[in-house]
Amino acid sequence: MAQLPEIRWPNHYEPSRCPVHVRNELDMAASPEKVWAWLTRAKLWPDWYANSANVEILEGPGTGLEEGTLFRWKTFGITIKSTVLECVPDERIAWEAHAFGIDVYHAWVLQSSAKGCLVVTEETQHGWLARLGSIFMPSRMHKYHQLWLEGLENKARAGFPPIG
């Protein structure tokens, strides 16, 4: 397998500049196209990722996440606004997110593998809330991102999401 493409970190969110950095990966038994279809249908996340709720697309060209899409959702008990800054279909997507006390960059990279699709997700955070979370619940984000990956694999293995 070829080397996985690197996350294209904006300067502000470089892991070395952030107090919080989490990386998860999972080699999934599903095609990149199916993984991508589920990952970018954010309104469906609450159906299979328990740490997401109230996903609402505020601005964007379609029903899925694309470059420029602005969406609001709840995760880790906090309502955040996210903007997709990078989107290469079936390969990579990343969004910036903001809420009171937190400033986030969350990136995903997909690559074909012998099993199906290797998915890497990384997140960096700034802010007093991010620092508190990393002190009092240091493994919480890693745990929930792994559950997100596992739920994504289960959905993608079953096929494409419903149209609409």
Protein backbone atom coordinates (compact mmCIF):
# COMPACT_ATOMS: atom_id res chain seq x y z
CA MET A 1 0.00 0.00 0.00
CA ALA A 2 1.21 3.48 -0.82
CA GLN A 3 1.97 5.91 1.97
CA LEU A 4 -1.13 7.62 3.30
CA PRO A 5 -1.45 11.25 2.22
CA GLU A 6 -0.64 13.74 4.96
CA ILE A 7 -3.20 15.94 6.64
CA ARG A 8 -2.94 19.46 5.18
CA TRP A 9 -2.91 21.39 8.44
CA PRO A 10 -3.61 25.12 8.36
CA ASN A 11 -0.78 26.86 10.22
CA HIS A 12 -2.94 27.69 13.26
CA TYR A 13 -3.93 24.04 13.68
CA GLU A 14 -0.54 22.33 13.23
CA PRO A 15 -0.39 19.60 15.92
CA SER A 16 2.81 21.10 17.37
CA ARG A 17 0.93 24.38 17.98
CA CYS A 18 -2.11 22.84 19.69
CA PRO A 19 -2.59 21.63 23.25
CA VAL A 20 -4.85 18.83 22.01
CA HIS A 21 -4.10 16.41 19.13
CA VAL A 22 -5.84 13.09 18.60
CA ARG A 23 -5.27 10.56 15.79
CA ASN A 24 -7.32 7.45 15.03
CA GLU A 25 -7.31 5.06 12.10
CA LEU A 26 -9.19 1.99 10.95
CA ASP A 27 -8.70 -0.24 7.91
CA MET A 28 -12.30 -0.88 6.84
CA ALA A 29 -13.84 -3.70 4.85
CA ALA A 30 -15.69 -1.25 2.61
CA SER A 31 -14.94 0.74 -0.53
CA PRO A 32 -13.76 4.36 -0.26
CA GLU A 33 -16.89 5.43 -2.18
CA LYS A 34 -19.23 3.89 0.42
CA VAL A 35 -17.17 5.21 3.34
CA TRP A 36 -17.19 8.67 1.78
CA ALA A 37 -20.95 8.58 1.16
CA TRP A 38 -21.66 7.91 4.85
CA LEU A 39 -19.00 10.28 6.18
CA THR A 40 -20.25 13.24 4.16
CA ARG A 41 -23.94 12.71 4.99
CA ALA A 42 -23.60 14.52 8.32
CA LYS A 43 -27.35 14.68 8.95
CA LEU A 44 -27.27 10.86 9.28
CA TRP A 45 -24.45 10.78 11.87
CA PRO A 46 -26.81 10.71 14.88
CA ASP A 47 -28.30 7.45 13.53
CA TRP A 48 -24.97 5.62 13.90
CA TYR A 49 -22.61 7.84 15.93
CA ALA A 50 -23.94 8.35 19.46
CA ASN A 51 -21.71 11.39 20.10
CA SER A 52 -23.49 13.52 17.51
CA ALA A 53 -26.89 15.18 17.58
CA ASN A 54 -28.94 17.95 16.01
CA VAL A 55 -26.94 18.13 12.79
CA GLU A 56 -28.20 20.98 10.62
CA ILE A 57 -26.79 22.17 7.30
CA LEU A 58 -26.85 25.99 7.49
CA GLU A 59 -25.22 26.82 4.13
CA GLY A 60 -24.02 24.63 1.32
CA PRO A 61 -24.59 23.42 -2.18
CA GLY A 62 -26.29 20.12 -1.29
CA THR A 63 -27.36 17.64 1.36
CA GLY A 64 -23.85 16.34 1.97
CA LEU A 65 -20.68 17.98 3.21
CA GLU A 66 -18.74 19.79 0.50
CA GLU A 67 -16.16 22.55 0.51
CA GLY A 68 -17.79 25.66 1.96
CA THR A 69 -20.61 23.83 3.73
CA LEU A 70 -21.48 25.43 7.08
CA PHE A 71 -23.16 23.13 9.57
CA ARG A 72 -24.15 23.21 13.22
CA TRP A 73 -24.21 20.14 15.42
CA LYS A 74 -23.81 18.90 18.94
CA THR A 75 -20.88 16.73 20.03
CA PHE A 76 -19.39 16.08 23.46
CA GLY A 77 -22.37 18.00 24.83
CA ILE A 78 -21.40 21.22 23.03
CA THR A 79 -23.15 22.84 20.07
CA ILE A 80 -20.55 23.88 17.52
CA LYS A 81 -20.52 25.51 14.09
CA SER A 82 -18.31 23.83 11.52
CA THR A 83 -17.18 24.93 8.07
CA VAL A 84 -15.75 22.48 5.54
CA LEU A 85 -12.42 23.94 4.40
CA GLU A 86 -11.12 21.06 2.30
CA CYS A 87 -12.96 18.44 0.29
CA VAL A 88 -11.57 15.99 -2.27
CA PRO A 89 -14.28 13.36 -2.91
CA ASP A 90 -13.41 9.81 -1.81
CA GLU A 91 -10.02 11.04 -0.51
CA ARG A 92 -10.10 13.80 2.13
CA ILE A 93 -12.33 16.19 4.00
CA ALA A 94 -11.61 18.63 6.82
CA TRP A 95 -13.58 21.20 8.76
CA GLU A 96 -12.91 23.97 11.21
CA ALA A 97 -15.24 24.23 14.20
CA HIS A 98 -15.88 26.88 16.82
CA ALA A 99 -17.83 27.16 20.06
CA PHE A 100 -17.40 29.06 23.29
CA GLY A 101 -13.98 28.08 24.66
CA ILE A 102 -12.93 25.83 21.80
CA ASP A 103 -11.38 26.13 18.33
CA VAL A 104 -11.04 22.86 16.34
CA TYR A 105 -9.72 21.40 13.08
CA HIS A 106 -10.92 17.88 12.20
CA ALA A 107 -9.49 16.12 9.14
CA TRP A 108 -10.19 12.77 7.51
CA VAL A 109 -8.11 10.96 4.89
CA LEU A 110 -9.30 7.88 2.97
CA GLN A 111 -7.14 5.55 0.91
CA SER A 112 -7.86 2.28 -0.88
CA SER A 113 -6.36 -0.72 0.89
CA ALA A 114 -6.25 -4.48 0.40
CA LYS A 115 -9.09 -4.76 2.91
CA GLY A 116 -11.10 -1.90 1.36
CA CYS A 117 -10.39 1.56 2.76
CA LEU A 118 -7.91 2.84 5.30
CA VAL A 119 -9.39 5.84 7.13
CA VAL A 120 -7.35 8.19 9.28
CA THR A 121 -8.96 10.95 11.30
CA GLU A 122 -7.06 13.60 13.24
CA GLU A 123 -8.23 16.53 15.29
CA THR A 124 -6.42 19.43 16.92
CA GLN A 125 -7.90 21.90 19.37
CA HIS A 126 -7.20 25.26 20.96
CA GLY A 127 -9.05 26.95 23.80
CA TRP A 128 -9.64 26.74 27.52
CA LEU A 129 -12.39 24.13 27.12
CA ALA A 130 -10.07 21.91 25.05
CA ARG A 131 -7.39 22.16 27.74
CA LEU A 132 -9.84 21.27 30.51
CA GLY A 133 -11.14 18.26 28.58
CA SER A 134 -7.62 16.98 27.93
CA ILE A 135 -6.80 17.26 31.65
CA PHE A 136 -9.95 15.76 33.14
CA MET A 137 -10.90 13.29 30.38
CA PRO A 138 -7.66 12.69 28.48
CA SER A 139 -8.77 9.67 26.42
CA ARG A 140 -12.40 10.65 25.79
CA MET A 141 -11.93 12.11 22.30
CA HIS A 142 -9.77 9.18 21.13
CA LYS A 143 -12.39 6.73 22.42
CA TYR A 144 -15.29 8.47 20.68
CA HIS A 145 -13.43 8.98 17.41
CA GLN A 146 -12.73 5.24 17.38
CA LEU A 147 -16.43 4.58 17.88
CA TRP A 148 -17.12 7.01 15.01
CA LEU A 149 -14.77 5.02 12.76
CA GLU A 150 -16.32 1.70 13.79
CA GLY A 151 -19.84 2.98 13.16
CA LEU A 152 -18.73 4.36 9.81
CA GLU A 153 -17.32 0.97 8.83
CA ASN A 154 -20.53 -0.83 9.85
CA LYS A 155 -22.66 1.50 7.74
CA ALA A 156 -20.31 1.44 4.73
CA ARG A 157 -20.09 -2.37 4.79
CA ALA A 158 -23.89 -2.50 4.46
CA GLY A 159 -23.97 -0.30 1.35
CA PHE A 160 -24.65 3.30 0.40
CA PRO A 161 -26.81 5.64 2.51
CA PRO A 162 -30.36 6.41 1.40
CA ILE A 163 -30.78 9.10 -1.24
CA GLY A 164 -32.01 12.50 -0.10
